[in-house]
Amino acid sequence: MKKRSSTIALIVSMMTTPAAFAAERIVTFGVDNMTCASCPYIVKTAMAAVPGVANVTVSFESKTATVTFDDAKTNPGAIAAASSSAGFPAHERLQGS
């Protein structure tokens, strides 16, 4: 009986593991081609449309976008691709850059 309980516990933990490792992440992107005051709105709209993105803040002055997202639902590459598709190539900036 003890072996059976251990097996069931193992199966249940494996089924819930992906959710346990999901985390909210914050990534800052450098964004190219922003030349006017309406550009940040377009970048924000494109990035916010990616499933899993919770918040987007775009700075025209520093040409950056800071994105909060659920890493179980999306990744920086997908967010950058959405911005690029809207005409504003984005690249992840490393910490301290």
N, C-alpha and C. Protein backbone atom coordinates (compact mmCIF):
# COMPACT_ATOMS: atom_id res chain seq x y z
N MET A 1 0.82 -1.19 0.00
CA MET A 1 0.00 0.00 0.00
C MET A 1 0.87 1.27 0.00
N LYS A 2 1.98 1.22 0.72
CA LYS A 2 2.87 2.38 0.79
C LYS A 2 3.45 2.68 -0.59
N LYS A 3 3.80 1.62 -1.34
CA LYS A 3 4.35 1.82 -2.68
C LYS A 3 3.33 2.47 -3.59
N ARG A 4 2.08 2.06 -3.46
CA ARG A 4 1.01 2.62 -4.28
C ARG A 4 0.81 4.10 -3.96
N SER A 5 0.85 4.47 -2.71
CA SER A 5 0.71 5.87 -2.31
C SER A 5 1.85 6.71 -2.86
N SER A 6 3.04 6.15 -2.83
CA SER A 6 4.20 6.87 -3.36
C SER A 6 4.06 7.08 -4.86
N THR A 7 3.57 6.08 -5.56
CA THR A 7 3.38 6.18 -7.00
C THR A 7 2.35 7.25 -7.33
N ILE A 8 1.26 7.26 -6.61
CA ILE A 8 0.21 8.26 -6.84
C ILE A 8 0.75 9.66 -6.55
N ALA A 9 1.49 9.80 -5.48
CA ALA A 9 2.06 11.11 -5.15
C ALA A 9 3.01 11.58 -6.24
N LEU A 10 3.80 10.67 -6.79
CA LEU A 10 4.72 11.01 -7.86
C LEU A 10 3.97 11.47 -9.10
N ILE A 11 2.92 10.76 -9.46
CA ILE A 11 2.12 11.12 -10.64
C ILE A 11 1.48 12.49 -10.46
N VAL A 12 0.92 12.74 -9.29
CA VAL A 12 0.27 14.03 -9.04
C VAL A 12 1.30 15.16 -9.09
N SER A 13 2.48 14.95 -8.53
CA SER A 13 3.50 16.00 -8.55
C SER A 13 3.98 16.26 -9.97
N MET A 14 4.05 15.25 -10.80
CA MET A 14 4.48 15.44 -12.19
C MET A 14 3.44 16.21 -12.98
N MET A 15 2.18 16.01 -12.64
CA MET A 15 1.11 16.71 -13.36
C MET A 15 1.08 18.19 -13.01
N THR A 16 1.51 18.55 -11.82
CA THR A 16 1.47 19.95 -11.39
C THR A 16 2.80 20.66 -11.56
N THR A 17 3.83 19.97 -11.96
CA THR A 17 5.17 20.54 -12.06
C THR A 17 5.25 21.76 -12.98
N PRO A 18 4.70 21.75 -14.20
CA PRO A 18 4.84 22.92 -15.07
C PRO A 18 4.33 24.20 -14.42
N ALA A 19 3.21 24.13 -13.74
CA ALA A 19 2.68 25.32 -13.09
C ALA A 19 3.58 25.78 -11.95
N ALA A 20 4.19 24.82 -11.28
CA ALA A 20 5.06 25.17 -10.16
C ALA A 20 6.29 25.93 -10.63
N PHE A 21 6.75 25.68 -11.84
CA PHE A 21 7.94 26.35 -12.36
C PHE A 21 7.63 27.62 -13.14
N ALA A 22 6.36 27.88 -13.40
CA ALA A 22 5.99 29.09 -14.12
C ALA A 22 6.29 30.29 -13.23
N ALA A 23 6.78 31.33 -13.84
CA ALA A 23 7.11 32.51 -13.07
C ALA A 23 6.85 33.77 -13.88
N GLU A 24 6.58 34.83 -13.16
CA GLU A 24 6.45 36.12 -13.81
C GLU A 24 7.85 36.66 -14.02
N ARG A 25 8.13 37.10 -15.23
CA ARG A 25 9.45 37.65 -15.55
C ARG A 25 9.30 39.07 -16.05
N ILE A 26 10.35 39.83 -15.89
CA ILE A 26 10.39 41.19 -16.42
C ILE A 26 11.64 41.29 -17.30
N VAL A 27 11.44 41.70 -18.55
CA VAL A 27 12.53 41.83 -19.50
C VAL A 27 12.46 43.21 -20.13
N THR A 28 13.63 43.82 -20.32
CA THR A 28 13.70 45.11 -21.02
C THR A 28 14.28 44.88 -22.41
N PHE A 29 13.61 45.46 -23.39
CA PHE A 29 14.02 45.35 -24.79
C PHE A 29 14.49 46.71 -25.28
N GLY A 30 15.51 46.72 -26.11
CA GLY A 30 15.85 47.90 -26.89
C GLY A 30 14.95 47.85 -28.11
N VAL A 31 14.38 48.98 -28.49
CA VAL A 31 13.44 49.01 -29.62
C VAL A 31 13.95 50.00 -30.66
N ASP A 32 14.12 49.52 -31.88
CA ASP A 32 14.60 50.34 -32.99
C ASP A 32 13.43 50.99 -33.74
N ASN A 33 13.75 52.03 -34.49
CA ASN A 33 12.82 52.70 -35.41
C ASN A 33 11.77 53.58 -34.74
N MET A 34 11.87 53.84 -33.44
CA MET A 34 10.89 54.74 -32.81
C MET A 34 11.33 56.19 -33.09
N THR A 35 10.57 56.87 -33.94
CA THR A 35 10.95 58.22 -34.37
C THR A 35 9.92 59.29 -34.03
N CYS A 36 8.74 58.88 -33.56
CA CYS A 36 7.71 59.88 -33.27
C CYS A 36 6.94 59.48 -32.01
N ALA A 37 6.09 60.37 -31.56
CA ALA A 37 5.35 60.16 -30.31
C ALA A 37 4.34 59.01 -30.39
N SER A 38 3.90 58.64 -31.57
CA SER A 38 2.93 57.54 -31.68
C SER A 38 3.60 56.17 -31.71
N CYS A 39 4.88 56.12 -31.96
CA CYS A 39 5.59 54.84 -32.04
C CYS A 39 5.47 54.01 -30.75
N PRO A 40 5.64 54.59 -29.56
CA PRO A 40 5.52 53.78 -28.35
C PRO A 40 4.15 53.11 -28.21
N TYR A 41 3.11 53.80 -28.64
CA TYR A 41 1.77 53.21 -28.58
C TYR A 41 1.70 51.95 -29.45
N ILE A 42 2.26 52.00 -30.64
CA ILE A 42 2.24 50.86 -31.55
C ILE A 42 3.04 49.70 -30.96
N VAL A 43 4.22 50.00 -30.41
CA VAL A 43 5.06 48.96 -29.80
C VAL A 43 4.32 48.32 -28.63
N LYS A 44 3.73 49.16 -27.77
CA LYS A 44 3.01 48.65 -26.60
C LYS A 44 1.85 47.77 -27.02
N THR A 45 1.09 48.20 -28.00
CA THR A 45 -0.06 47.43 -28.47
C THR A 45 0.37 46.08 -29.03
N ALA A 46 1.44 46.07 -29.82
CA ALA A 46 1.93 44.83 -30.43
C ALA A 46 2.41 43.85 -29.36
N MET A 47 3.20 44.34 -28.41
CA MET A 47 3.73 43.47 -27.37
C MET A 47 2.64 42.98 -26.41
N ALA A 48 1.72 43.86 -26.08
CA ALA A 48 0.64 43.50 -25.15
C ALA A 48 -0.30 42.45 -25.73
N ALA A 49 -0.34 42.33 -27.05
CA ALA A 49 -1.22 41.35 -27.70
C ALA A 49 -0.70 39.92 -27.60
N VAL A 50 0.54 39.74 -27.18
CA VAL A 50 1.11 38.40 -27.06
C VAL A 50 0.50 37.72 -25.83
N PRO A 51 -0.09 36.54 -26.00
CA PRO A 51 -0.67 35.84 -24.85
C PRO A 51 0.38 35.60 -23.76
N GLY A 52 0.03 35.95 -22.53
CA GLY A 52 0.94 35.79 -21.41
C GLY A 52 1.58 37.08 -20.96
N VAL A 53 1.50 38.13 -21.79
CA VAL A 53 2.06 39.43 -21.42
C VAL A 53 1.08 40.12 -20.47
N ALA A 54 1.59 40.56 -19.33
CA ALA A 54 0.75 41.20 -18.32
C ALA A 54 0.84 42.72 -18.35
N ASN A 55 2.03 43.25 -18.67
CA ASN A 55 2.21 44.69 -18.65
C ASN A 55 3.35 45.09 -19.60
N VAL A 56 3.17 46.23 -20.25
CA VAL A 56 4.21 46.77 -21.14
C VAL A 56 4.34 48.26 -20.87
N THR A 57 5.57 48.70 -20.64
CA THR A 57 5.86 50.12 -20.48
C THR A 57 6.91 50.48 -21.51
N VAL A 58 6.61 51.47 -22.36
CA VAL A 58 7.52 51.85 -23.43
C VAL A 58 8.02 53.27 -23.18
N SER A 59 9.33 53.46 -23.35
CA SER A 59 9.94 54.78 -23.21
C SER A 59 10.46 55.24 -24.56
N PHE A 60 9.88 56.32 -25.07
CA PHE A 60 10.36 56.90 -26.32
C PHE A 60 11.75 57.48 -26.14
N GLU A 61 11.99 58.11 -25.00
CA GLU A 61 13.27 58.76 -24.73
C GLU A 61 14.43 57.77 -24.73
N SER A 62 14.25 56.63 -24.06
CA SER A 62 15.36 55.65 -23.98
C SER A 62 15.25 54.55 -25.03
N LYS A 63 14.19 54.61 -25.85
CA LYS A 63 13.97 53.60 -26.91
C LYS A 63 13.97 52.19 -26.33
N THR A 64 13.19 52.02 -25.23
CA THR A 64 13.10 50.71 -24.58
C THR A 64 11.64 50.35 -24.31
N ALA A 65 11.44 49.07 -24.09
CA ALA A 65 10.15 48.55 -23.65
C ALA A 65 10.43 47.56 -22.52
N THR A 66 9.75 47.74 -21.40
CA THR A 66 9.89 46.83 -20.28
C THR A 66 8.60 46.02 -20.21
N VAL A 67 8.75 44.70 -20.26
CA VAL A 67 7.59 43.81 -20.37
C VAL A 67 7.56 42.83 -19.20
N THR A 68 6.40 42.71 -18.58
CA THR A 68 6.16 41.72 -17.54
C THR A 68 5.32 40.62 -18.19
N PHE A 69 5.77 39.36 -18.05
CA PHE A 69 5.05 38.27 -18.70
C PHE A 69 5.16 36.98 -17.91
N ASP A 70 4.28 36.05 -18.22
CA ASP A 70 4.27 34.71 -17.63
C ASP A 70 5.13 33.82 -18.50
N ASP A 71 6.25 33.33 -17.97
CA ASP A 71 7.17 32.56 -18.81
C ASP A 71 6.68 31.16 -19.13
N ALA A 72 5.53 30.76 -18.59
CA ALA A 72 4.93 29.50 -18.98
C ALA A 72 4.07 29.67 -20.24
N LYS A 73 3.75 30.92 -20.56
CA LYS A 73 2.87 31.20 -21.70
C LYS A 73 3.58 31.83 -22.88
N THR A 74 4.70 32.50 -22.65
CA THR A 74 5.43 33.15 -23.75
C THR A 74 6.90 33.29 -23.37
N ASN A 75 7.65 33.88 -24.27
CA ASN A 75 9.09 34.04 -24.05
C ASN A 75 9.54 35.33 -24.71
N PRO A 76 10.74 35.80 -24.36
CA PRO A 76 11.22 37.06 -24.94
C PRO A 76 11.27 37.06 -26.47
N GLY A 77 11.58 35.94 -27.06
CA GLY A 77 11.63 35.86 -28.52
C GLY A 77 10.29 36.16 -29.17
N ALA A 78 9.22 35.64 -28.60
CA ALA A 78 7.89 35.87 -29.15
C ALA A 78 7.47 37.33 -29.00
N ILE A 79 7.85 37.92 -27.88
CA ILE A 79 7.51 39.33 -27.64
C ILE A 79 8.28 40.22 -28.61
N ALA A 80 9.57 39.94 -28.77
CA ALA A 80 10.39 40.71 -29.72
C ALA A 80 9.85 40.54 -31.15
N ALA A 81 9.43 39.35 -31.50
CA ALA A 81 8.90 39.10 -32.84
C ALA A 81 7.63 39.91 -33.09
N ALA A 82 6.79 40.04 -32.08
CA ALA A 82 5.56 40.82 -32.23
C ALA A 82 5.89 42.29 -32.51
N SER A 83 6.86 42.82 -31.81
CA SER A 83 7.28 44.21 -32.03
C SER A 83 7.89 44.37 -33.42
N SER A 84 8.73 43.41 -33.79
CA SER A 84 9.37 43.45 -35.11
C SER A 84 8.34 43.40 -36.23
N SER A 85 7.31 42.58 -36.04
CA SER A 85 6.25 42.47 -37.05
C SER A 85 5.49 43.78 -37.22
N ALA A 86 5.47 44.59 -36.17
CA ALA A 86 4.80 45.89 -36.23
C ALA A 86 5.73 46.97 -36.80
N GLY A 87 6.96 46.59 -37.15
CA GLY A 87 7.89 47.53 -37.76
C GLY A 87 8.92 48.11 -36.81
N PHE A 88 8.97 47.57 -35.60
CA PHE A 88 9.89 48.07 -34.59
C PHE A 88 10.73 46.93 -34.03
N PRO A 89 11.84 46.61 -34.69
CA PRO A 89 12.68 45.50 -34.22
C PRO A 89 13.08 45.70 -32.75
N ALA A 90 12.92 44.64 -31.98
CA ALA A 90 13.25 44.70 -30.55
C ALA A 90 14.28 43.63 -30.24
N HIS A 91 15.16 43.94 -29.31
CA HIS A 91 16.17 42.97 -28.88
C HIS A 91 16.30 43.06 -27.37
N GLU A 92 16.40 41.89 -26.77
CA GLU A 92 16.49 41.84 -25.31
C GLU A 92 17.78 42.51 -24.85
N ARG A 93 17.66 43.37 -23.86
CA ARG A 93 18.84 44.03 -23.29
C ARG A 93 19.29 43.24 -22.06
N LEU A 94 20.58 43.11 -21.93
CA LEU A 94 21.13 42.40 -20.78
C LEU A 94 21.06 43.32 -19.56
N GLN A 95 21.02 42.71 -18.37
CA GLN A 95 21.03 43.48 -17.14
C GLN A 95 22.22 44.42 -17.12
N GLY A 96 22.00 45.66 -16.75
CA GLY A 96 23.08 46.62 -16.67
C GLY A 96 23.42 47.31 -17.98
N SER A 97 22.70 46.96 -19.06
CA SER A 97 22.98 47.58 -20.37
C SER A 97 22.17 48.83 -20.57
